Amino acid sequence: MTNAEKYDRQTILCIDYGTKNIGFCLYKIGIDPFPMPFLQIKNKTTDASISSIIEIINDECVDIIVLGLPLHKDGNDSEMTKMVRSFKSQLETQKLPPIQFQNEFLTSYEAEDRMKSSARYNFKVDKNQVDSLAASIILEEWLKNHQ
């Protein structure tokens, strides 16, 4: 079975975890044309963020979670990498769908660049949407490796 067959019709939730905001992207493989930004929330507390994630998973019938992992350019961990790994561990206690990491190196910068060149964002960086757009970029990278 190829990866394309393995993931066909599956719903993927991609999460760009940050200390201030969390961005989300949803994508239904074989149904949606491409990953689109879904939602961005404030990261007030870990419990509140996990509750929001569980609600999204249940509402959208998510099969797979892709979590952005902020590695340094050389592939080594940063302090934020440790926080994301810890967040993944906390998510895994909730009996959620499988969670996979995807390197998110420079995705927030790419999201800002895309916003600056897109009429959808009035050619400006919208801080209220940058993390959800970054999540869609993270998911694009994951898809390149899994289809």
N, C-alpha and C. Protein backbone atom coordinates (compact mmCIF):
# COMPACT_ATOMS: atom_id res chain seq x y z
N MET A 1 0.84 -1.18 0.00
CA MET A 1 0.00 0.00 0.00
C MET A 1 0.89 1.25 0.00
N THR A 2 0.62 2.17 -0.91
CA THR A 2 1.38 3.41 -0.97
C THR A 2 0.88 4.37 0.12
N ASN A 3 1.68 5.39 0.41
CA ASN A 3 1.24 6.40 1.37
C ASN A 3 -0.02 7.10 0.90
N ALA A 4 -0.12 7.34 -0.42
CA ALA A 4 -1.32 7.99 -0.95
C ALA A 4 -2.55 7.16 -0.65
N GLU A 5 -2.45 5.84 -0.81
CA GLU A 5 -3.57 4.96 -0.50
C GLU A 5 -3.82 4.90 1.01
N LYS A 6 -2.75 4.85 1.76
CA LYS A 6 -2.84 4.76 3.21
C LYS A 6 -3.59 5.94 3.82
N TYR A 7 -3.34 7.13 3.30
CA TYR A 7 -3.92 8.35 3.86
C TYR A 7 -5.15 8.87 3.12
N ASP A 8 -5.57 8.19 2.05
CA ASP A 8 -6.72 8.65 1.26
C ASP A 8 -7.96 8.82 2.13
N ARG A 9 -8.61 9.96 1.97
CA ARG A 9 -9.84 10.31 2.68
C ARG A 9 -9.65 10.57 4.18
N GLN A 10 -8.41 10.63 4.62
CA GLN A 10 -8.15 10.92 6.03
C GLN A 10 -8.15 12.43 6.25
N THR A 11 -8.59 12.82 7.42
CA THR A 11 -8.58 14.24 7.80
C THR A 11 -7.38 14.49 8.69
N ILE A 12 -6.59 15.47 8.28
CA ILE A 12 -5.37 15.81 9.01
C ILE A 12 -5.54 17.18 9.65
N LEU A 13 -5.18 17.26 10.91
CA LEU A 13 -5.13 18.53 11.62
C LEU A 13 -3.66 18.84 11.84
N CYS A 14 -3.22 19.98 11.33
CA CYS A 14 -1.85 20.41 11.56
C CYS A 14 -1.87 21.53 12.59
N ILE A 15 -0.93 21.46 13.53
CA ILE A 15 -0.86 22.42 14.62
C ILE A 15 0.49 23.12 14.61
N ASP A 16 0.43 24.45 14.59
CA ASP A 16 1.64 25.27 14.76
C ASP A 16 1.56 25.84 16.18
N TYR A 17 2.24 25.16 17.10
CA TYR A 17 2.17 25.51 18.52
C TYR A 17 3.12 26.65 18.83
N GLY A 18 2.59 27.66 19.52
CA GLY A 18 3.41 28.77 19.98
C GLY A 18 3.03 29.16 21.39
N THR A 19 3.89 29.87 22.06
CA THR A 19 3.61 30.25 23.44
C THR A 19 2.48 31.28 23.52
N LYS A 20 2.30 32.08 22.48
CA LYS A 20 1.23 33.09 22.47
C LYS A 20 0.01 32.62 21.69
N ASN A 21 0.23 32.02 20.53
CA ASN A 21 -0.85 31.60 19.65
C ASN A 21 -0.61 30.18 19.16
N ILE A 22 -1.71 29.54 18.78
CA ILE A 22 -1.65 28.22 18.16
C ILE A 22 -2.44 28.30 16.87
N GLY A 23 -1.77 27.95 15.77
CA GLY A 23 -2.42 27.96 14.46
C GLY A 23 -2.80 26.56 14.03
N PHE A 24 -3.91 26.46 13.31
CA PHE A 24 -4.41 25.17 12.85
C PHE A 24 -4.68 25.19 11.35
N CYS A 25 -4.46 24.05 10.74
CA CYS A 25 -4.80 23.83 9.34
C CYS A 25 -5.49 22.48 9.27
N LEU A 26 -6.57 22.40 8.50
CA LEU A 26 -7.27 21.14 8.27
C LEU A 26 -7.15 20.78 6.81
N TYR A 27 -7.05 19.48 6.56
CA TYR A 27 -6.95 19.01 5.18
C TYR A 27 -7.51 17.61 5.08
N LYS A 28 -8.43 17.41 4.16
CA LYS A 28 -9.00 16.10 3.90
C LYS A 28 -8.36 15.57 2.62
N ILE A 29 -7.50 14.56 2.78
CA ILE A 29 -6.75 14.02 1.64
C ILE A 29 -7.71 13.39 0.64
N GLY A 30 -7.52 13.76 -0.63
CA GLY A 30 -8.36 13.23 -1.70
C GLY A 30 -9.67 13.97 -1.85
N ILE A 31 -9.93 14.93 -0.98
CA ILE A 31 -11.17 15.70 -1.05
C ILE A 31 -10.85 17.19 -1.25
N ASP A 32 -10.05 17.75 -0.35
CA ASP A 32 -9.67 19.16 -0.44
C ASP A 32 -8.58 19.34 -1.50
N PRO A 33 -8.60 20.48 -2.21
CA PRO A 33 -7.56 20.69 -3.23
C PRO A 33 -6.17 20.91 -2.63
N PHE A 34 -6.09 21.53 -1.47
CA PHE A 34 -4.81 21.79 -0.81
C PHE A 34 -5.08 22.23 0.63
N PRO A 35 -4.06 22.16 1.49
CA PRO A 35 -4.24 22.59 2.89
C PRO A 35 -4.56 24.09 2.96
N MET A 36 -5.54 24.40 3.77
CA MET A 36 -5.93 25.80 3.97
C MET A 36 -5.88 26.14 5.46
N PRO A 37 -5.49 27.38 5.77
CA PRO A 37 -5.52 27.80 7.18
C PRO A 37 -6.94 27.60 7.73
N PHE A 38 -7.03 27.17 8.98
CA PHE A 38 -8.32 26.87 9.57
C PHE A 38 -8.68 27.83 10.70
N LEU A 39 -7.80 27.96 11.68
CA LEU A 39 -8.13 28.70 12.88
C LEU A 39 -6.85 29.07 13.61
N GLN A 40 -6.92 30.16 14.36
CA GLN A 40 -5.81 30.53 15.25
C GLN A 40 -6.42 30.91 16.59
N ILE A 41 -5.85 30.36 17.66
CA ILE A 41 -6.35 30.67 19.01
C ILE A 41 -5.22 31.22 19.87
N LYS A 42 -5.60 31.91 20.91
CA LYS A 42 -4.63 32.36 21.91
C LYS A 42 -4.26 31.16 22.79
N ASN A 43 -3.00 31.03 23.10
CA ASN A 43 -2.54 29.96 23.99
C ASN A 43 -2.52 30.52 25.41
N LYS A 44 -3.68 30.48 26.06
CA LYS A 44 -3.78 31.05 27.41
C LYS A 44 -3.24 30.08 28.45
N THR A 45 -3.73 28.84 28.42
CA THR A 45 -3.22 27.80 29.32
C THR A 45 -3.15 26.50 28.51
N THR A 46 -2.32 25.59 28.95
CA THR A 46 -2.19 24.30 28.27
C THR A 46 -3.52 23.55 28.29
N ASP A 47 -4.19 23.55 29.43
CA ASP A 47 -5.47 22.84 29.53
C ASP A 47 -6.51 23.41 28.57
N ALA A 48 -6.59 24.74 28.49
CA ALA A 48 -7.55 25.36 27.59
C ALA A 48 -7.20 25.06 26.13
N SER A 49 -5.93 25.08 25.81
CA SER A 49 -5.50 24.78 24.44
C SER A 49 -5.81 23.33 24.08
N ILE A 50 -5.54 22.41 24.99
CA ILE A 50 -5.83 21.00 24.74
C ILE A 50 -7.34 20.79 24.58
N SER A 51 -8.14 21.47 25.39
CA SER A 51 -9.60 21.38 25.24
C SER A 51 -10.05 21.86 23.87
N SER A 52 -9.46 22.95 23.40
CA SER A 52 -9.80 23.46 22.06
C SER A 52 -9.41 22.46 20.99
N ILE A 53 -8.25 21.85 21.14
CA ILE A 53 -7.78 20.87 20.16
C ILE A 53 -8.70 19.64 20.15
N ILE A 54 -9.10 19.18 21.32
CA ILE A 54 -10.00 18.03 21.40
C ILE A 54 -11.33 18.36 20.72
N GLU A 55 -11.81 19.57 20.93
CA GLU A 55 -13.07 19.99 20.30
C GLU A 55 -12.94 19.99 18.77
N ILE A 56 -11.84 20.50 18.26
CA ILE A 56 -11.61 20.50 16.81
C ILE A 56 -11.54 19.06 16.30
N ILE A 57 -10.80 18.22 16.99
CA ILE A 57 -10.66 16.81 16.57
C ILE A 57 -12.02 16.13 16.50
N ASN A 58 -12.84 16.34 17.51
CA ASN A 58 -14.17 15.71 17.53
C ASN A 58 -15.09 16.30 16.47
N ASP A 59 -15.10 17.63 16.34
CA ASP A 59 -15.98 18.29 15.36
C ASP A 59 -15.61 17.95 13.93
N GLU A 60 -14.32 17.81 13.65
CA GLU A 60 -13.85 17.62 12.28
C GLU A 60 -13.49 16.17 11.95
N CYS A 61 -13.68 15.25 12.90
CA CYS A 61 -13.38 13.83 12.71
C CYS A 61 -11.93 13.63 12.22
N VAL A 62 -11.00 14.17 12.97
CA VAL A 62 -9.58 14.13 12.62
C VAL A 62 -9.01 12.73 12.79
N ASP A 63 -8.24 12.28 11.78
CA ASP A 63 -7.60 10.96 11.80
C ASP A 63 -6.13 11.02 12.18
N ILE A 64 -5.46 12.12 11.84
CA ILE A 64 -4.02 12.26 12.05
C ILE A 64 -3.75 13.70 12.50
N ILE A 65 -2.81 13.85 13.42
CA ILE A 65 -2.37 15.17 13.85
C ILE A 65 -0.91 15.33 13.43
N VAL A 66 -0.62 16.46 12.79
CA VAL A 66 0.75 16.81 12.46
C VAL A 66 1.10 18.02 13.31
N LEU A 67 2.16 17.90 14.07
CA LEU A 67 2.58 18.96 14.98
C LEU A 67 3.92 19.52 14.50
N GLY A 68 3.94 20.81 14.26
CA GLY A 68 5.17 21.47 13.83
C GLY A 68 6.23 21.39 14.92
N LEU A 69 7.44 21.01 14.53
CA LEU A 69 8.56 20.90 15.46
C LEU A 69 9.63 21.92 15.07
N PRO A 70 9.83 22.94 15.93
CA PRO A 70 10.77 24.01 15.60
C PRO A 70 12.22 23.64 15.88
N LEU A 71 12.87 23.07 14.89
CA LEU A 71 14.28 22.72 15.01
C LEU A 71 15.16 23.87 14.51
N HIS A 72 16.39 23.93 15.01
CA HIS A 72 17.36 24.88 14.47
C HIS A 72 17.73 24.46 13.04
N LYS A 73 18.35 25.36 12.31
CA LYS A 73 18.76 25.07 10.94
C LYS A 73 19.63 23.82 10.85
N ASP A 74 20.46 23.59 11.87
CA ASP A 74 21.33 22.42 11.87
C ASP A 74 20.63 21.14 12.34
N GLY A 75 19.32 21.26 12.65
CA GLY A 75 18.55 20.10 13.07
C GLY A 75 18.53 19.86 14.57
N ASN A 76 19.24 20.68 15.31
CA ASN A 76 19.26 20.51 16.76
C ASN A 76 18.04 21.15 17.42
N ASP A 77 17.75 20.71 18.64
CA ASP A 77 16.63 21.24 19.40
C ASP A 77 16.93 22.64 19.93
N SER A 78 15.86 23.41 20.07
CA SER A 78 15.91 24.71 20.73
C SER A 78 15.09 24.59 22.01
N GLU A 79 15.00 25.66 22.77
CA GLU A 79 14.13 25.65 23.95
C GLU A 79 12.68 25.45 23.53
N MET A 80 12.28 26.06 22.42
CA MET A 80 10.91 25.89 21.93
C MET A 80 10.65 24.45 21.50
N THR A 81 11.65 23.79 20.95
CA THR A 81 11.51 22.38 20.57
C THR A 81 11.14 21.55 21.78
N LYS A 82 11.80 21.83 22.90
CA LYS A 82 11.52 21.09 24.13
C LYS A 82 10.08 21.33 24.59
N MET A 83 9.60 22.56 24.44
CA MET A 83 8.22 22.87 24.84
C MET A 83 7.22 22.14 23.94
N VAL A 84 7.51 22.07 22.65
CA VAL A 84 6.61 21.38 21.72
C VAL A 84 6.61 19.87 22.01
N ARG A 85 7.78 19.31 22.29
CA ARG A 85 7.83 17.88 22.64
C ARG A 85 7.02 17.61 23.91
N SER A 86 7.11 18.50 24.87
CA SER A 86 6.34 18.37 26.11
C SER A 86 4.84 18.49 25.82
N PHE A 87 4.48 19.42 24.96
CA PHE A 87 3.07 19.60 24.59
C PHE A 87 2.54 18.33 23.91
N LYS A 88 3.35 17.73 23.05
CA LYS A 88 2.95 16.49 22.39
C LYS A 88 2.69 15.40 23.44
N SER A 89 3.56 15.30 24.42
CA SER A 89 3.39 14.31 25.48
C SER A 89 2.08 14.53 26.23
N GLN A 90 1.75 15.79 26.48
CA GLN A 90 0.49 16.10 27.16
C GLN A 90 -0.71 15.75 26.28
N LEU A 91 -0.61 16.02 24.98
CA LEU A 91 -1.69 15.65 24.06
C LEU A 91 -1.88 14.14 24.04
N GLU A 92 -0.79 13.41 24.06
CA GLU A 92 -0.86 11.95 23.95
C GLU A 92 -1.54 11.30 25.16
N THR A 93 -1.65 12.01 26.27
CA THR A 93 -2.36 11.45 27.42
C THR A 93 -3.87 11.50 27.20
N GLN A 94 -4.32 12.18 26.16
CA GLN A 94 -5.75 12.38 25.91
C GLN A 94 -6.36 11.34 24.97
N LYS A 95 -5.61 10.35 24.57
CA LYS A 95 -6.10 9.30 23.66
C LYS A 95 -6.64 9.90 22.36
N LEU A 96 -5.81 10.69 21.72
CA LEU A 96 -6.14 11.36 20.46
C LEU A 96 -5.62 10.52 19.30
N PRO A 97 -5.96 10.93 18.07
CA PRO A 97 -5.37 10.26 16.90
C PRO A 97 -3.84 10.36 16.95
N PRO A 98 -3.15 9.53 16.14
CA PRO A 98 -1.68 9.56 16.14
C PRO A 98 -1.15 10.97 15.83
N ILE A 99 -0.05 11.30 16.51
CA ILE A 99 0.58 12.61 16.34
C ILE A 99 1.95 12.40 15.72
N GLN A 100 2.20 13.12 14.63
CA GLN A 100 3.49 13.05 13.95
C GLN A 100 4.12 14.44 13.92
N PHE A 101 5.43 14.49 14.08
CA PHE A 101 6.15 15.75 13.98
C PHE A 101 6.49 16.07 12.53
N GLN A 102 6.56 17.36 12.23
CA GLN A 102 7.09 17.85 10.96
C GLN A 102 7.94 19.08 11.27
N ASN A 103 9.16 19.09 10.77
CA ASN A 103 10.04 20.24 10.96
C ASN A 103 9.35 21.49 10.43
N GLU A 104 9.35 22.54 11.25
CA GLU A 104 8.69 23.79 10.84
C GLU A 104 9.68 24.94 10.66
N PHE A 105 10.92 24.61 10.36
CA PHE A 105 11.96 25.62 10.22
C PHE A 105 11.54 26.72 9.24
N LEU A 106 11.49 27.95 9.72
CA LEU A 106 11.20 29.16 8.94
C LEU A 106 9.77 29.25 8.38
N THR A 107 8.84 28.43 8.84
CA THR A 107 7.49 28.49 8.27
C THR A 107 6.77 29.79 8.61
N SER A 108 7.02 30.36 9.77
CA SER A 108 6.37 31.64 10.11
C SER A 108 6.85 32.76 9.19
N TYR A 109 8.14 32.73 8.86
CA TYR A 109 8.66 33.73 7.92
C TYR A 109 8.06 33.54 6.53
N GLU A 110 7.94 32.28 6.11
CA GLU A 110 7.33 32.01 4.81
C GLU A 110 5.87 32.44 4.81
N ALA A 111 5.17 32.22 5.92
CA ALA A 111 3.77 32.64 6.02
C ALA A 111 3.66 34.16 5.86
N GLU A 112 4.55 34.89 6.52
CA GLU A 112 4.54 36.36 6.40
C GLU A 112 4.82 36.78 4.97
N ASP A 113 5.77 36.13 4.30
CA ASP A 113 6.08 36.44 2.91
C ASP A 113 4.87 36.19 2.01
N ARG A 114 4.19 35.07 2.23
CA ARG A 114 3.00 34.77 1.43
C ARG A 114 1.92 35.81 1.64
N MET A 115 1.76 36.25 2.87
CA MET A 115 0.75 37.28 3.16
C MET A 115 1.07 38.58 2.43
N LYS A 116 2.35 38.95 2.44
CA LYS A 116 2.76 40.20 1.80
C LYS A 116 2.55 40.17 0.29
N SER A 117 2.45 38.97 -0.30
CA SER A 117 2.28 38.89 -1.75
C SER A 117 0.89 38.36 -2.14
N SER A 118 -0.06 38.41 -1.20
CA SER A 118 -1.39 37.87 -1.47
C SER A 118 -2.49 38.91 -1.26
N ALA A 119 -3.36 39.02 -2.25
CA ALA A 119 -4.51 39.91 -2.12
C ALA A 119 -5.45 39.44 -1.01
N ARG A 120 -5.47 38.15 -0.78
CA ARG A 120 -6.33 37.60 0.29
C ARG A 120 -6.04 38.28 1.63
N TYR A 121 -4.79 38.65 1.84
CA TYR A 121 -4.37 39.29 3.09
C TYR A 121 -4.09 40.79 2.89
N ASN A 122 -4.59 41.35 1.79
CA ASN A 122 -4.38 42.76 1.46
C ASN A 122 -2.90 43.13 1.42
N PHE A 123 -2.07 42.15 1.04
CA PHE A 123 -0.63 42.34 0.90
C PHE A 123 0.04 42.80 2.19
N LYS A 124 -0.56 42.39 3.32
CA LYS A 124 -0.03 42.77 4.63
C LYS A 124 0.04 41.54 5.53
N VAL A 125 0.94 41.59 6.51
CA VAL A 125 1.02 40.52 7.50
C VAL A 125 -0.10 40.71 8.50
N ASP A 126 -0.94 39.69 8.62
CA ASP A 126 -2.04 39.71 9.59
C ASP A 126 -1.65 38.78 10.74
N LYS A 127 -1.25 39.36 11.86
CA LYS A 127 -0.78 38.57 13.01
C LYS A 127 -1.87 37.64 13.54
N ASN A 128 -3.14 37.93 13.24
CA ASN A 128 -4.23 37.08 13.70
C ASN A 128 -4.39 35.83 12.85
N GLN A 129 -3.65 35.74 11.74
CA GLN A 129 -3.77 34.59 10.86
C GLN A 129 -2.43 33.95 10.49
N VAL A 130 -1.34 34.56 10.89
CA VAL A 130 -0.02 34.07 10.46
C VAL A 130 0.26 32.65 10.94
N ASP A 131 -0.19 32.29 12.14
CA ASP A 131 0.11 30.95 12.66
C ASP A 131 -0.73 29.88 11.97
N SER A 132 -1.96 30.20 11.57
CA SER A 132 -2.76 29.22 10.84
C SER A 132 -2.21 29.03 9.42
N LEU A 133 -1.70 30.11 8.82
CA LEU A 133 -1.05 29.97 7.51
C LEU A 133 0.25 29.18 7.65
N ALA A 134 1.00 29.42 8.72
CA ALA A 134 2.22 28.64 8.97
C ALA A 134 1.87 27.16 9.13
N ALA A 135 0.75 26.86 9.79
CA ALA A 135 0.32 25.47 9.94
C ALA A 135 0.06 24.83 8.58
N SER A 136 -0.51 25.60 7.65
CA SER A 136 -0.76 25.04 6.31
C SER A 136 0.55 24.78 5.58
N ILE A 137 1.56 25.60 5.80
CA ILE A 137 2.87 25.40 5.19
C ILE A 137 3.55 24.16 5.79
N ILE A 138 3.42 24.00 7.10
CA ILE A 138 3.96 22.81 7.76
C ILE A 138 3.31 21.56 7.17
N LEU A 139 1.99 21.62 6.97
CA LEU A 139 1.28 20.47 6.43
C LEU A 139 1.67 20.21 4.97
N GLU A 140 1.90 21.26 4.20
CA GLU A 140 2.38 21.07 2.82
C GLU A 140 3.67 20.27 2.82
N GLU A 141 4.58 20.60 3.74
CA GLU A 141 5.85 19.88 3.83
C GLU A 141 5.63 18.44 4.25
N TRP A 142 4.74 18.21 5.19
CA TRP A 142 4.45 16.84 5.63
C TRP A 142 3.89 16.03 4.47
N LEU A 143 3.00 16.63 3.71
CA LEU A 143 2.40 15.92 2.56
C LEU A 143 3.44 15.54 1.52
N LYS A 144 4.43 16.42 1.30
CA LYS A 144 5.50 16.09 0.35
C LYS A 144 6.22 14.81 0.76
N ASN A 145 6.33 14.59 2.06
CA ASN A 145 7.04 13.42 2.58
C ASN A 145 6.16 12.19 2.73
N HIS A 146 4.85 12.33 2.60
CA HIS A 146 3.95 11.22 2.91
C HIS A 146 2.97 10.88 1.80
N GLN A 147 3.18 11.40 0.61
CA GLN A 147 2.27 11.04 -0.48
C GLN A 147 3.05 10.58 -1.69
